[in-house]
C-alpha atoms as a PDB file:
ATOM      1  CA  UNK A   1      34.372  10.284  36.856  1.00  0.00           C
ATOM      2  CA  UNK A   2      34.577   7.360  34.286  1.00  0.00           C
ATOM      3  CA  UNK A   3      37.775   7.037  32.064  1.00  0.00           C
ATOM      4  CA  UNK A   4      36.772   7.123  28.321  1.00  0.00           C
ATOM      5  CA  UNK A   5      38.219   4.275  26.505  1.00  0.00           C
ATOM      6  CA  UNK A   6      39.068   4.673  23.097  1.00  0.00           C
ATOM      7  CA  UNK A   7      40.224   2.682  20.075  1.00  0.00           C
ATOM      8  CA  UNK A   8      43.688   4.466  20.430  1.00  0.00           C
ATOM      9  CA  UNK A   9      43.938   3.727  23.929  1.00  0.00           C
ATOM     10  CA  UNK A  10      43.158  -0.064  23.326  1.00  0.00           C
ATOM     11  CA  UNK A  11      45.689  -0.019  20.380  1.00  0.00           C
ATOM     12  CA  UNK A  12      48.409   1.601  22.407  1.00  0.00           C
ATOM     13  CA  UNK A  13      47.765  -1.132  25.450  1.00  0.00           C
ATOM     14  CA  UNK A  14      47.931  -4.139  22.802  1.00  0.00           C
ATOM     15  CA  UNK A  15      51.169  -2.613  21.635  1.00  0.00           C
ATOM     16  CA  UNK A  16      52.715  -2.461  25.000  1.00  0.00           C
ATOM     17  CA  UNK A  17      51.614  -6.147  25.527  1.00  0.00           C
ATOM     18  CA  UNK A  18      53.034  -7.263  22.183  1.00  0.00           C
ATOM     19  CA  UNK A  19      56.302  -5.803  23.087  1.00  0.00           C
ATOM     20  CA  UNK A  20      56.508  -7.831  26.215  1.00  0.00           C
ATOM     21  CA  UNK A  21      55.234 -10.983  24.575  1.00  0.00           C
ATOM     22  CA  UNK A  22      57.626 -14.183  23.822  1.00  0.00           C
ATOM     23  CA  UNK A  23      57.220 -15.432  20.087  1.00  0.00           C
ATOM     24  CA  UNK A  24      56.530 -18.918  19.161  1.00  0.00           C
ATOM     25  CA  UNK A  25      59.787 -18.931  17.637  1.00  0.00           C
ATOM     26  CA  UNK A  26      61.614 -17.643  20.741  1.00  0.00           C
ATOM     27  CA  UNK A  27      59.855 -20.162  22.966  1.00  0.00           C
ATOM     28  CA  UNK A  28      60.899 -22.953  20.738  1.00  0.00           C
ATOM     29  CA  UNK A  29      64.701 -21.735  20.740  1.00  0.00           C
ATOM     30  CA  UNK A  30      64.304 -21.596  24.498  1.00  0.00           C
ATOM     31  CA  UNK A  31      62.977 -25.195  24.639  1.00  0.00           C
ATOM     32  CA  UNK A  32      65.664 -26.692  22.524  1.00  0.00           C
ATOM     33  CA  UNK A  33      68.373 -24.829  24.680  1.00  0.00           C
ATOM     34  CA  UNK A  34      67.115 -26.366  27.761  1.00  0.00           C
ATOM     35  CA  UNK A  35      66.879 -29.679  26.248  1.00  0.00           C
ATOM     36  CA  UNK A  36      70.361 -29.560  25.111  1.00  0.00           C
ATOM     37  CA  UNK A  37      71.794 -28.093  28.760  1.00  0.00           C
ATOM     38  CA  UNK A  38      69.745 -30.909  30.206  1.00  0.00           C
ATOM     39  CA  UNK A  39      71.499 -33.661  28.207  1.00  0.00           C
ATOM     40  CA  UNK A  40      74.822 -34.344  30.168  1.00  0.00           C
ATOM     41  CA  UNK A  41      76.288 -36.346  27.322  1.00  0.00           C
ATOM     42  CA  UNK A  42      75.664 -33.499  24.824  1.00  0.00           C
ATOM     43  CA  UNK A  43      76.991 -31.079  27.272  1.00  0.00           C
ATOM     44  CA  UNK A  44      80.008 -33.057  27.547  1.00  0.00           C
ATOM     45  CA  UNK A  45      80.567 -33.387  23.953  1.00  0.00           C
ATOM     46  CA  UNK A  46      80.340 -29.409  23.560  1.00  0.00           C
ATOM     47  CA  UNK A  47      82.855 -29.249  26.476  1.00  0.00           C
ATOM     48  CA  UNK A  48      85.380 -31.444  24.637  1.00  0.00           C
ATOM     49  CA  UNK A  49      84.707 -29.609  21.441  1.00  0.00           C
ATOM     50  CA  UNK A  50      85.629 -26.382  22.956  1.00  0.00           C
ATOM     51  CA  UNK A  51      88.877 -27.847  24.239  1.00  0.00           C
ATOM     52  CA  UNK A  52      89.857 -29.260  20.896  1.00  0.00           C
ATOM     53  CA  UNK A  53      89.366 -25.794  19.307  1.00  0.00           C
ATOM     54  CA  UNK A  54      91.468 -24.417  21.713  1.00  0.00           C
ATOM     55  CA  UNK A  55      94.052 -27.060  21.255  1.00  0.00           C
ATOM     56  CA  UNK A  56      93.901 -26.472  17.660  1.00  0.00           C
ATOM     57  CA  UNK A  57      92.530 -29.817  16.870  1.00  0.00           C
ATOM     58  CA  UNK A  58      90.275 -28.767  14.212  1.00  0.00           C
ATOM     59  CA  UNK A  59      89.734 -29.581  10.392  1.00  0.00           C
ATOM     60  CA  UNK A  60      88.379 -27.356   7.806  1.00  0.00           C
ATOM     61  CA  UNK A  61      85.432 -28.812   5.959  1.00  0.00           C
ATOM     62  CA  UNK A  62      84.443 -27.673   2.709  1.00  0.00           C
ATOM     63  CA  UNK A  63      82.464 -30.803   1.332  1.00  0.00           C
ATOM     64  CA  UNK A  64      80.860 -33.933   2.332  1.00  0.00           C
ATOM     65  CA  UNK A  65      84.097 -35.584   0.702  1.00  0.00           C
ATOM     66  CA  UNK A  66      86.152 -33.774   3.742  1.00  0.00           C
ATOM     67  CA  UNK A  67      83.951 -35.758   6.310  1.00  0.00           C
END
């Protein structure tokens, strides 16, 4: 026996596919993350910044003049 395909079944299937899709924005964020994590110099700067924060070597910046 042949299954009947309805617009509702197609719609539900498309909704299921859509829920599992990666959006363009998500893909761009992932690629940016990969790019950052692939750059050893950038990662070392991040590690050093984390150490500075833990050690209290921070300064509050409220304006361009503070920089």
